[in-house]
Amino acid sequence: MRLVKDIDKKGIFFYWSNPYSSDVRISPRLPCIELAKEWRDKHLFSLYKGDERRRSHIDRRLDKTKRKQVDKALFYYRQRPEGRRSTDKPLTVDIDLVADKVQLYS
């Protein structure tokens, strides 16, 4: 899945698209990047067919207090401090259509 940032008359919005074509939307129109992350997490967890070992879909490393506790407890270098799952990684916009459209509308 690729995150697309787009703009229209109502304003800026985000949506998830097919990895092979940005024209094919697989998510609804999402008004902010936080809701895009939440939609992605729920969608990916719904696709998993095995037994889920996680009790919560929320990544505990996002909480600064818990993150400090975990970091203090670890004395070795961690290769992936953000987590192993794709839902634990920071979200970035893959395709930004806003810049092109703003120039077009100006």
N, C-alpha and C. Protein backbone atom coordinates (compact mmCIF):
# COMPACT_ATOMS: atom_id res chain seq x y z
N MET A 1 0.84 -1.17 0.00
CA MET A 1 0.00 0.00 0.00
C MET A 1 0.89 1.24 0.00
N ARG A 2 0.40 2.25 -0.68
CA ARG A 2 1.12 3.53 -0.72
C ARG A 2 0.19 4.63 -0.24
N LEU A 3 0.75 5.53 0.56
CA LEU A 3 -0.01 6.65 1.09
C LEU A 3 0.07 7.82 0.11
N VAL A 4 -1.10 8.31 -0.29
CA VAL A 4 -1.18 9.41 -1.25
C VAL A 4 -1.76 10.64 -0.55
N LYS A 5 -1.12 11.78 -0.77
CA LYS A 5 -1.62 13.06 -0.26
C LYS A 5 -2.15 13.83 -1.45
N ASP A 6 -3.42 14.25 -1.37
CA ASP A 6 -4.06 14.90 -2.51
C ASP A 6 -4.82 16.12 -2.02
N ILE A 7 -5.29 16.93 -2.96
CA ILE A 7 -6.05 18.13 -2.64
C ILE A 7 -7.18 18.29 -3.64
N ASP A 8 -8.29 18.84 -3.17
CA ASP A 8 -9.41 19.21 -4.04
C ASP A 8 -10.05 20.47 -3.47
N LYS A 9 -11.26 20.77 -3.90
CA LYS A 9 -11.93 22.00 -3.45
C LYS A 9 -12.17 22.03 -1.95
N LYS A 10 -12.33 20.86 -1.34
CA LYS A 10 -12.60 20.78 0.10
C LYS A 10 -11.33 20.89 0.94
N GLY A 11 -10.17 20.64 0.35
CA GLY A 11 -8.92 20.73 1.09
C GLY A 11 -8.03 19.52 0.89
N ILE A 12 -7.00 19.44 1.71
CA ILE A 12 -6.03 18.34 1.62
C ILE A 12 -6.61 17.10 2.29
N PHE A 13 -6.35 15.94 1.69
CA PHE A 13 -6.78 14.67 2.26
C PHE A 13 -5.77 13.60 1.89
N PHE A 14 -5.88 12.47 2.56
CA PHE A 14 -5.00 11.32 2.35
C PHE A 14 -5.84 10.11 1.98
N TYR A 15 -5.21 9.19 1.27
CA TYR A 15 -5.84 7.89 1.02
C TYR A 15 -4.77 6.87 0.71
N TRP A 16 -5.11 5.61 0.94
CA TRP A 16 -4.20 4.51 0.63
C TRP A 16 -4.54 3.99 -0.75
N SER A 17 -3.50 3.74 -1.54
CA SER A 17 -3.72 3.27 -2.90
C SER A 17 -3.06 1.91 -3.11
N ASN A 18 -3.45 1.30 -4.20
CA ASN A 18 -2.84 0.06 -4.66
C ASN A 18 -1.36 0.33 -4.90
N PRO A 19 -0.46 -0.57 -4.50
CA PRO A 19 0.97 -0.31 -4.70
C PRO A 19 1.38 -0.20 -6.17
N TYR A 20 0.56 -0.71 -7.05
CA TYR A 20 0.92 -0.69 -8.48
C TYR A 20 0.27 0.45 -9.25
N SER A 21 -0.75 1.07 -8.66
CA SER A 21 -1.43 2.16 -9.34
C SER A 21 -2.01 3.13 -8.31
N SER A 22 -1.59 4.39 -8.38
CA SER A 22 -2.10 5.36 -7.40
C SER A 22 -3.55 5.76 -7.71
N ASP A 23 -4.07 5.35 -8.85
CA ASP A 23 -5.46 5.67 -9.21
C ASP A 23 -6.46 4.78 -8.48
N VAL A 24 -6.02 3.61 -8.03
CA VAL A 24 -6.91 2.66 -7.38
C VAL A 24 -6.85 2.86 -5.87
N ARG A 25 -7.91 3.44 -5.32
CA ARG A 25 -7.99 3.68 -3.88
C ARG A 25 -8.46 2.43 -3.16
N ILE A 26 -7.82 2.14 -2.05
CA ILE A 26 -8.27 1.01 -1.24
C ILE A 26 -8.76 1.48 0.13
N SER A 27 -8.72 2.79 0.36
CA SER A 27 -9.23 3.35 1.61
C SER A 27 -10.18 4.49 1.29
N PRO A 28 -10.97 4.89 2.28
CA PRO A 28 -11.78 6.09 2.07
C PRO A 28 -10.90 7.34 2.15
N ARG A 29 -11.50 8.44 1.88
CA ARG A 29 -10.83 9.75 1.99
C ARG A 29 -10.60 10.02 3.48
N LEU A 30 -9.36 10.31 3.86
CA LEU A 30 -9.00 10.50 5.26
C LEU A 30 -8.47 11.92 5.46
N PRO A 31 -9.02 12.67 6.42
CA PRO A 31 -8.68 14.08 6.55
C PRO A 31 -7.30 14.38 7.15
N CYS A 32 -6.69 13.43 7.85
CA CYS A 32 -5.38 13.69 8.44
C CYS A 32 -4.52 12.43 8.44
N ILE A 33 -3.23 12.63 8.63
CA ILE A 33 -2.29 11.51 8.54
C ILE A 33 -2.47 10.54 9.71
N GLU A 34 -2.92 11.04 10.86
CA GLU A 34 -3.15 10.16 12.02
C GLU A 34 -4.27 9.16 11.72
N LEU A 35 -5.34 9.64 11.06
CA LEU A 35 -6.43 8.73 10.69
C LEU A 35 -5.98 7.76 9.59
N ALA A 36 -5.08 8.19 8.74
CA ALA A 36 -4.53 7.30 7.71
C ALA A 36 -3.75 6.16 8.36
N LYS A 37 -2.97 6.47 9.40
CA LYS A 37 -2.22 5.44 10.11
C LYS A 37 -3.17 4.48 10.81
N GLU A 38 -4.20 5.03 11.44
CA GLU A 38 -5.17 4.19 12.14
C GLU A 38 -5.89 3.26 11.17
N TRP A 39 -6.29 3.79 10.00
CA TRP A 39 -6.97 2.97 9.01
C TRP A 39 -6.05 1.86 8.52
N ARG A 40 -4.78 2.20 8.24
CA ARG A 40 -3.80 1.19 7.78
C ARG A 40 -3.61 0.09 8.81
N ASP A 41 -3.44 0.46 10.07
CA ASP A 41 -3.24 -0.53 11.12
C ASP A 41 -4.42 -1.49 11.21
N LYS A 42 -5.63 -0.95 11.24
CA LYS A 42 -6.82 -1.80 11.32
C LYS A 42 -6.95 -2.70 10.09
N HIS A 43 -6.65 -2.14 8.92
CA HIS A 43 -6.75 -2.92 7.68
C HIS A 43 -5.75 -4.07 7.68
N LEU A 44 -4.50 -3.79 8.04
CA LEU A 44 -3.49 -4.84 8.04
C LEU A 44 -3.76 -5.90 9.09
N PHE A 45 -4.23 -5.49 10.26
CA PHE A 45 -4.57 -6.47 11.29
C PHE A 45 -5.76 -7.32 10.86
N SER A 46 -6.69 -6.77 10.10
CA SER A 46 -7.84 -7.55 9.65
C SER A 46 -7.44 -8.58 8.59
N LEU A 47 -6.36 -8.33 7.86
CA LEU A 47 -5.90 -9.28 6.84
C LEU A 47 -5.18 -10.48 7.43
N TYR A 48 -4.65 -10.34 8.64
CA TYR A 48 -3.87 -11.41 9.27
C TYR A 48 -4.80 -12.53 9.71
N LYS A 49 -4.53 -13.74 9.26
CA LYS A 49 -5.41 -14.87 9.54
C LYS A 49 -4.94 -15.75 10.69
N GLY A 50 -3.72 -15.56 11.16
CA GLY A 50 -3.20 -16.40 12.24
C GLY A 50 -3.66 -15.94 13.61
N ASP A 51 -3.14 -16.60 14.65
CA ASP A 51 -3.46 -16.20 16.02
C ASP A 51 -2.66 -14.94 16.35
N GLU A 52 -3.35 -13.94 16.81
CA GLU A 52 -2.71 -12.67 17.16
C GLU A 52 -2.16 -12.75 18.58
N ARG A 53 -0.86 -12.49 18.73
CA ARG A 53 -0.25 -12.55 20.05
C ARG A 53 -0.27 -11.20 20.75
N ARG A 54 -0.43 -10.15 19.99
CA ARG A 54 -0.48 -8.82 20.59
C ARG A 54 -1.82 -8.59 21.27
N ARG A 55 -1.76 -8.00 22.44
CA ARG A 55 -3.01 -7.70 23.14
C ARG A 55 -3.60 -6.38 22.67
N SER A 56 -2.73 -5.48 22.19
CA SER A 56 -3.18 -4.17 21.77
C SER A 56 -2.64 -3.88 20.37
N HIS A 57 -3.43 -3.16 19.58
CA HIS A 57 -2.97 -2.75 18.26
C HIS A 57 -2.13 -1.48 18.32
N ILE A 58 -2.11 -0.84 19.48
CA ILE A 58 -1.35 0.39 19.65
C ILE A 58 0.08 0.04 20.01
N ASP A 59 1.03 0.62 19.33
CA ASP A 59 2.45 0.37 19.58
C ASP A 59 2.87 1.08 20.86
N ARG A 60 3.34 0.31 21.84
CA ARG A 60 3.71 0.90 23.13
C ARG A 60 4.89 1.86 23.01
N ARG A 61 5.67 1.73 21.95
CA ARG A 61 6.84 2.60 21.79
C ARG A 61 6.44 4.03 21.44
N LEU A 62 5.18 4.25 21.06
CA LEU A 62 4.73 5.60 20.75
C LEU A 62 4.51 6.44 22.00
N ASP A 63 4.32 5.78 23.14
CA ASP A 63 4.15 6.48 24.41
C ASP A 63 5.55 6.84 24.92
N LYS A 64 5.83 8.14 25.09
CA LYS A 64 7.17 8.59 25.45
C LYS A 64 7.64 8.05 26.80
N THR A 65 6.74 7.95 27.77
CA THR A 65 7.12 7.46 29.09
C THR A 65 7.52 6.01 29.02
N LYS A 66 6.70 5.20 28.37
CA LYS A 66 7.04 3.78 28.23
C LYS A 66 8.30 3.60 27.39
N ARG A 67 8.46 4.44 26.38
CA ARG A 67 9.64 4.36 25.52
C ARG A 67 10.92 4.59 26.32
N LYS A 68 10.90 5.57 27.23
CA LYS A 68 12.07 5.84 28.07
C LYS A 68 12.37 4.66 28.98
N GLN A 69 11.32 4.03 29.52
CA GLN A 69 11.52 2.87 30.38
C GLN A 69 12.15 1.72 29.62
N VAL A 70 11.68 1.50 28.40
CA VAL A 70 12.23 0.42 27.58
C VAL A 70 13.67 0.72 27.22
N ASP A 71 13.96 1.96 26.86
CA ASP A 71 15.32 2.32 26.49
C ASP A 71 16.30 2.21 27.66
N LYS A 72 15.83 2.54 28.86
CA LYS A 72 16.69 2.41 30.04
C LYS A 72 16.98 0.95 30.35
N ALA A 73 16.02 0.09 30.07
CA ALA A 73 16.18 -1.33 30.37
C ALA A 73 17.11 -2.04 29.39
N LEU A 74 17.30 -1.46 28.22
CA LEU A 74 18.14 -2.09 27.20
C LEU A 74 19.55 -1.51 27.25
N PHE A 75 20.55 -2.37 27.31
CA PHE A 75 21.93 -1.91 27.37
C PHE A 75 22.69 -2.21 26.08
N TYR A 76 22.03 -2.74 25.11
CA TYR A 76 22.69 -3.07 23.85
C TYR A 76 22.09 -2.24 22.71
N TYR A 77 22.80 -2.16 21.63
CA TYR A 77 22.36 -1.40 20.47
C TYR A 77 21.25 -2.17 19.77
N ARG A 78 20.15 -1.48 19.50
CA ARG A 78 19.04 -2.13 18.81
C ARG A 78 19.05 -1.74 17.34
N GLN A 79 18.89 -2.71 16.49
CA GLN A 79 18.91 -2.46 15.06
C GLN A 79 17.64 -1.78 14.57
N ARG A 80 16.52 -2.10 15.18
CA ARG A 80 15.23 -1.54 14.75
C ARG A 80 14.49 -0.96 15.96
N PRO A 81 14.81 0.25 16.35
CA PRO A 81 14.15 0.80 17.53
C PRO A 81 12.67 1.09 17.32
N GLU A 82 12.22 1.18 16.07
CA GLU A 82 10.82 1.50 15.83
C GLU A 82 9.92 0.27 15.85
N GLY A 83 10.49 -0.92 15.78
CA GLY A 83 9.68 -2.14 15.80
C GLY A 83 9.86 -2.95 14.53
N ARG A 84 9.39 -4.19 14.57
CA ARG A 84 9.58 -5.09 13.44
C ARG A 84 8.43 -5.07 12.45
N ARG A 85 7.23 -4.85 12.92
CA ARG A 85 6.06 -4.91 12.04
C ARG A 85 5.93 -3.64 11.20
N SER A 86 5.32 -3.79 10.06
CA SER A 86 5.14 -2.63 9.18
C SER A 86 4.26 -1.57 9.84
N THR A 87 3.37 -1.98 10.74
CA THR A 87 2.51 -1.01 11.41
C THR A 87 3.24 -0.24 12.50
N ASP A 88 4.43 -0.69 12.89
CA ASP A 88 5.23 0.00 13.91
C ASP A 88 6.13 1.08 13.32
N LYS A 89 6.32 1.05 12.03
CA LYS A 89 7.24 1.99 11.40
C LYS A 89 6.57 3.35 11.21
N PRO A 90 7.36 4.43 11.26
CA PRO A 90 6.79 5.76 11.07
C PRO A 90 6.14 5.89 9.69
N LEU A 91 5.07 6.64 9.63
CA LEU A 91 4.31 6.81 8.40
C LEU A 91 4.88 7.95 7.56
N THR A 92 5.06 7.71 6.28
CA THR A 92 5.52 8.74 5.36
C THR A 92 4.61 8.76 4.13
N VAL A 93 4.48 9.92 3.53
CA VAL A 93 3.67 10.06 2.32
C VAL A 93 4.51 9.55 1.15
N ASP A 94 3.94 8.62 0.39
CA ASP A 94 4.65 8.04 -0.76
C ASP A 94 4.46 8.88 -2.02
N ILE A 95 3.25 9.37 -2.23
CA ILE A 95 2.96 10.16 -3.43
C ILE A 95 2.30 11.46 -2.98
N ASP A 96 2.92 12.58 -3.32
CA ASP A 96 2.38 13.89 -2.95
C ASP A 96 1.87 14.59 -4.20
N LEU A 97 0.55 14.62 -4.36
CA LEU A 97 -0.07 15.26 -5.52
C LEU A 97 -0.41 16.72 -5.27
N VAL A 98 -0.23 17.16 -4.03
CA VAL A 98 -0.62 18.53 -3.64
C VAL A 98 0.24 19.57 -4.36
N ALA A 99 1.55 19.37 -4.37
CA ALA A 99 2.45 20.37 -4.95
C ALA A 99 2.11 20.65 -6.42
N ASP A 100 1.85 19.61 -7.19
CA ASP A 100 1.52 19.77 -8.60
C ASP A 100 0.19 20.50 -8.79
N LYS A 101 -0.80 20.13 -7.96
CA LYS A 101 -2.13 20.72 -8.10
C LYS A 101 -2.17 22.16 -7.62
N VAL A 102 -1.38 22.51 -6.61
CA VAL A 102 -1.34 23.88 -6.15
C VAL A 102 -0.77 24.79 -7.23
N GLN A 103 0.26 24.32 -7.91
CA GLN A 103 0.82 25.09 -9.04
C GLN A 103 -0.19 25.19 -10.17
N LEU A 104 -0.97 24.16 -10.38
CA LEU A 104 -1.98 24.16 -11.42
C LEU A 104 -3.09 25.16 -11.12
N TYR A 105 -3.52 25.22 -9.83
CA TYR A 105 -4.60 26.11 -9.44
C TYR A 105 -4.15 27.57 -9.32
N SER A 106 -2.83 27.81 -9.14
CA SER A 106 -2.33 29.17 -8.96
C SER A 106 -2.31 29.98 -10.23
